[in-house]
Amino acid sequence: MDVVRGHGAAVRRHRRRAAHRAAAGDGWHHVPGRRDGGRPHPGGRRRHAGRRRLDRGRSDRGRRRRRRGALGHDGVRRRHAAPRHRRGGDHELRDGRRRHAHGEHRRRPVRRQPGLRSAVLHRQRPCAGAGRGELGDRSGERPVRASGGRRVNDDYSAGVGIPRATTELNGRLRWSLVAAAATPMRADGSTDPDVCSAYFGQLVRAGAGGLAIAAHTGRGDRLPIATKADLVRRAAALNVPIVTGVGGHADGPGHDLEWAATAAAAGADALLVFPPADTNPDAVVEHHEAVARASGLPLVVFDLYTRPYAPSTLERLLELPRVAAFKPARLHDAIACQEGIAAARARGKLVLTGEDRMLGASLMWGAEGALIGLAAAAVQISVAAVDTFAAAVHTSSRDAAARFLEVSAIVDELSRVTFRPPYDGYVQRMLWIAADEGILPAEFAVDPFRPADLDDAERDEVVRVVRQCRDQVRR
């Protein structure tokens, strides 16, 4: 009775107030049949304010009763009902459907506008040249797919002149580690095909997503074409992307063009083009175009610290349609590396960092993969750096970002003992590591072209540090 009396008193009080407002002429007027006696002015008060206050009070009372267990979720009064959050431990409804567990976050469904098709969009990453140095999202990793799975924004379909092979290669190399493999050789420079095949297989099984064969780490500028072709064929049998080095051979540009054509027939997927001896910008561009014509393969522009490109020359190279990716390897020139990465991303090119001494930093500057000689052995350490960074980008998780920073510090320690003066001695140092891991026989862990001033006494320190780094990454 108290509830009824209070309800009626409130209604009568509201009617009196409505009558006073109507008499005062403030925009309210009586509407016959309305329980509240009026409606609001179009620009003023809300309608049925009193009723809403009453309804709110009644709903609060019902909510309190349901919390005490007096009413179930269906509104039926129960004499000895348990509290709702205790009844039905797994929260099952009568028809067998499961309610969300107590305390569990339940995401509400998203309303879609009628007539619009929903599209699945991949996580975006920062646009080219923007947001460098942050673990954020990045644009352009994967193309958006419309209904039916057709790519709607890949470069080839858009008609901008980029070959499909380039687009597909970028998709395979993005967020992967391409190991620049050494070439197992004896002291006299001879190789064993079976030893090479086993070594390449070990790199892939350890996590390498691709192989760079006969590049600088593999001493490709010192090997004959027949040997390099056999190495590429054996690596291609592993069903991973194969990049091979072109340029810088002692026999001159003629050898480079012949090798470019042979590499394509042997099974290479792309060519890493070394800077030519002629540094004239027109000559550099012509050299890359000639290699592309001879091979028909996508190219990777190589900005090497021993023969760096001027910014204007690099921009011209990145404009070439056959260029699929860019590899910066400026060793310790952080500013040049940052500018090169920004220039490549501004032109939609994939960046595969070659910065062994700045691996973590170059990933944060915009690289989306790595092609490094540091992965010629102890591959799992370099793979962990790329994988943890990709996880941080994809998930925006603080834990993933913290793990990347931890692994990046481990990689820095590895590169400290392997990439130091004499810098070209890194090949022999990586061979020492490979022999210690057991992926190469000691007989073949020899670099016949090593610097004369490399001290064999370094081996013990290199091996000790790498063992520690490997254990830390496994933890």
Foldseek 3Di string as FASTA:
>chain_A
DVLVVVVVVLLVVLCVVLVVCQVVVPAWAADPPDSSGTQHHPVDDHGPPSVVVSVVVVVVVVVVCQQCQQADPVGDGDDDGDRPLPPPQQCADPVGDTDHHVPDDDDDDDDDDPPDDDWDDAFAAPAFLPQFLDLEGHHDLDATADPPRDGDDDPVVVPPQADPLLSVVSNQFFLFAEAAAAFQAFLVRDHDLVLLLLLLVVLVVLGGQHYEFLALLNVVLEDALVVRLSSLLSNVVVVHAYEYEAADHPVDLVRRLVSLQSSLVSRHQEYEYDQYPDQDLVVRQVSVVSSCVSNVHAYEYEQALVRGHDPVSLLVNLPDSSHAAYEYANAPPVVVLLSSSSSNSNSVHAYAYAHLLCLLSSVSSPHRHHYYNLSNAPVNLVSQLSVLSVVCNNPVDPVSVVSNVVSVVLSNLLCVLQCDPVRSQSSLLRLLRCCVVVSHPPSRSDDNPHDPPDDPVSSVVNNVSSVVSSVVSVD
